[in-house]
C-alpha atoms as a PDB file:
ATOM      1  CA  UNK A   1     -93.207  98.433  62.971  1.00  0.00           C
ATOM      2  CA  UNK A   2     -94.609  95.011  62.054  1.00  0.00           C
ATOM      3  CA  UNK A   3     -93.267  91.616  62.305  1.00  0.00           C
ATOM      4  CA  UNK A   4     -94.975  88.898  60.056  1.00  0.00           C
ATOM      5  CA  UNK A   5     -94.195  85.206  60.310  1.00  0.00           C
ATOM      6  CA  UNK A   6     -94.326  83.317  56.827  1.00  0.00           C
ATOM      7  CA  UNK A   7     -96.482  80.365  56.956  1.00  0.00           C
ATOM      8  CA  UNK A   8     -95.127  78.368  54.874  1.00  0.00           C
ATOM      9  CA  UNK A   9     -91.605  79.719  54.666  1.00  0.00           C
ATOM     10  CA  UNK A  10     -90.642  81.190  51.330  1.00  0.00           C
ATOM     11  CA  UNK A  11     -87.323  79.722  49.473  1.00  0.00           C
ATOM     12  CA  UNK A  12     -85.190  82.681  48.567  1.00  0.00           C
ATOM     13  CA  UNK A  13     -82.010  83.657  46.799  1.00  0.00           C
ATOM     14  CA  UNK A  14     -79.914  86.244  48.376  1.00  0.00           C
ATOM     15  CA  UNK A  15     -77.617  88.079  45.998  1.00  0.00           C
ATOM     16  CA  UNK A  16     -73.908  87.385  46.856  1.00  0.00           C
ATOM     17  CA  UNK A  17     -74.883  85.147  49.740  1.00  0.00           C
ATOM     18  CA  UNK A  18     -76.757  82.145  48.216  1.00  0.00           C
ATOM     19  CA  UNK A  19     -79.984  80.181  48.901  1.00  0.00           C
ATOM     20  CA  UNK A  20     -82.173  80.173  51.864  1.00  0.00           C
ATOM     21  CA  UNK A  21     -85.523  80.208  53.609  1.00  0.00           C
ATOM     22  CA  UNK A  22     -87.441  83.220  54.568  1.00  0.00           C
ATOM     23  CA  UNK A  23     -89.227  82.632  57.703  1.00  0.00           C
ATOM     24  CA  UNK A  24     -90.413  86.285  58.386  1.00  0.00           C
ATOM     25  CA  UNK A  25     -90.519  89.842  57.103  1.00  0.00           C
ATOM     26  CA  UNK A  26     -89.920  92.957  59.188  1.00  0.00           C
ATOM     27  CA  UNK A  27     -91.478  96.280  58.041  1.00  0.00           C
ATOM     28  CA  UNK A  28     -90.263  99.442  59.829  1.00  0.00           C
ATOM     29  CA  UNK A  29     -92.173 101.561  57.530  1.00  0.00           C
ATOM     30  CA  UNK A  30     -92.081 103.733  54.485  1.00  0.00           C
ATOM     31  CA  UNK A  31     -88.644 104.967  54.917  1.00  0.00           C
ATOM     32  CA  UNK A  32     -86.961 101.699  55.346  1.00  0.00           C
ATOM     33  CA  UNK A  33     -86.547  98.539  53.045  1.00  0.00           C
ATOM     34  CA  UNK A  34     -88.323  95.411  54.158  1.00  0.00           C
ATOM     35  CA  UNK A  35     -86.212  93.177  56.085  1.00  0.00           C
ATOM     36  CA  UNK A  36     -86.406  89.329  55.428  1.00  0.00           C
ATOM     37  CA  UNK A  37     -85.537  86.991  58.137  1.00  0.00           C
ATOM     38  CA  UNK A  38     -83.582  84.285  56.126  1.00  0.00           C
ATOM     39  CA  UNK A  39     -82.035  81.038  57.274  1.00  0.00           C
ATOM     40  CA  UNK A  40     -79.350  80.021  54.781  1.00  0.00           C
ATOM     41  CA  UNK A  41     -79.018  76.630  53.212  1.00  0.00           C
ATOM     42  CA  UNK A  42     -75.062  76.541  53.569  1.00  0.00           C
ATOM     43  CA  UNK A  43     -74.193  76.853  57.255  1.00  0.00           C
ATOM     44  CA  UNK A  44     -77.680  77.500  58.833  1.00  0.00           C
ATOM     45  CA  UNK A  45     -76.883  81.150  59.706  1.00  0.00           C
ATOM     46  CA  UNK A  46     -80.024  83.358  60.142  1.00  0.00           C
ATOM     47  CA  UNK A  47     -79.663  86.910  58.904  1.00  0.00           C
ATOM     48  CA  UNK A  48     -82.011  89.912  58.214  1.00  0.00           C
ATOM     49  CA  UNK A  49     -81.736  90.834  54.669  1.00  0.00           C
ATOM     50  CA  UNK A  50     -82.773  94.064  52.951  1.00  0.00           C
ATOM     51  CA  UNK A  51     -85.343  93.706  50.200  1.00  0.00           C
ATOM     52  CA  UNK A  52     -83.170  94.958  47.366  1.00  0.00           C
ATOM     53  CA  UNK A  53     -80.816  91.709  47.876  1.00  0.00           C
ATOM     54  CA  UNK A  54     -83.596  89.283  47.857  1.00  0.00           C
ATOM     55  CA  UNK A  55     -84.770  87.289  44.878  1.00  0.00           C
ATOM     56  CA  UNK A  56     -87.162  84.279  44.395  1.00  0.00           C
ATOM     57  CA  UNK A  57     -85.303  81.102  43.711  1.00  0.00           C
ATOM     58  CA  UNK A  58     -85.250  79.431  40.361  1.00  0.00           C
ATOM     59  CA  UNK A  59     -88.598  77.534  39.589  1.00  0.00           C
ATOM     60  CA  UNK A  60     -88.861  75.854  36.324  1.00  0.00           C
ATOM     61  CA  UNK A  61     -92.622  75.452  36.200  1.00  0.00           C
ATOM     62  CA  UNK A  62     -92.981  79.132  36.976  1.00  0.00           C
ATOM     63  CA  UNK A  63     -90.658  80.155  34.125  1.00  0.00           C
ATOM     64  CA  UNK A  64     -87.925  81.508  36.555  1.00  0.00           C
ATOM     65  CA  UNK A  65     -84.292  81.006  35.194  1.00  0.00           C
ATOM     66  CA  UNK A  66     -81.818  79.268  37.291  1.00  0.00           C
ATOM     67  CA  UNK A  67     -79.015  81.806  36.910  1.00  0.00           C
ATOM     68  CA  UNK A  68     -78.988  84.091  39.923  1.00  0.00           C
ATOM     69  CA  UNK A  69     -80.055  87.666  39.548  1.00  0.00           C
ATOM     70  CA  UNK A  70     -77.314  90.381  39.870  1.00  0.00           C
ATOM     71  CA  UNK A  71     -77.049  92.970  42.731  1.00  0.00           C
ATOM     72  CA  UNK A  72     -78.138  95.665  40.466  1.00  0.00           C
ATOM     73  CA  UNK A  73     -81.210  97.536  41.722  1.00  0.00           C
ATOM     74  CA  UNK A  74     -83.085 100.056  39.379  1.00  0.00           C
ATOM     75  CA  UNK A  75     -84.953 102.971  41.206  1.00  0.00           C
ATOM     76  CA  UNK A  76     -88.161 103.815  40.239  1.00  0.00           C
ATOM     77  CA  UNK A  77     -88.577 107.512  39.600  1.00  0.00           C
ATOM     78  CA  UNK A  78     -91.942 108.781  41.178  1.00  0.00           C
END
C-alpha cells in the first residue's frame, strides 16, 4: 500500500458528484482501483473516490471540454 500526497493538489471532476480537489492518492496494489482523496467544492466533504469515477476538470487551454464525462467505463482487454 502506498499513500502519495499531491503537491500541488489537482482539480478534478468526480462523475455524479461534482468538482473538487484531489490532495492524495492511495494505491492498494494491482487488484484494486487507485483511490483519490478528494475535497469537494460544494460542501467541503472529503471522500476517497475510485479511479473509474475521476476525470480531469475542464481546461480551455489544454483543449478539455467543459461538459462532464459520463460514468461509462470501457474495460481494456488484455
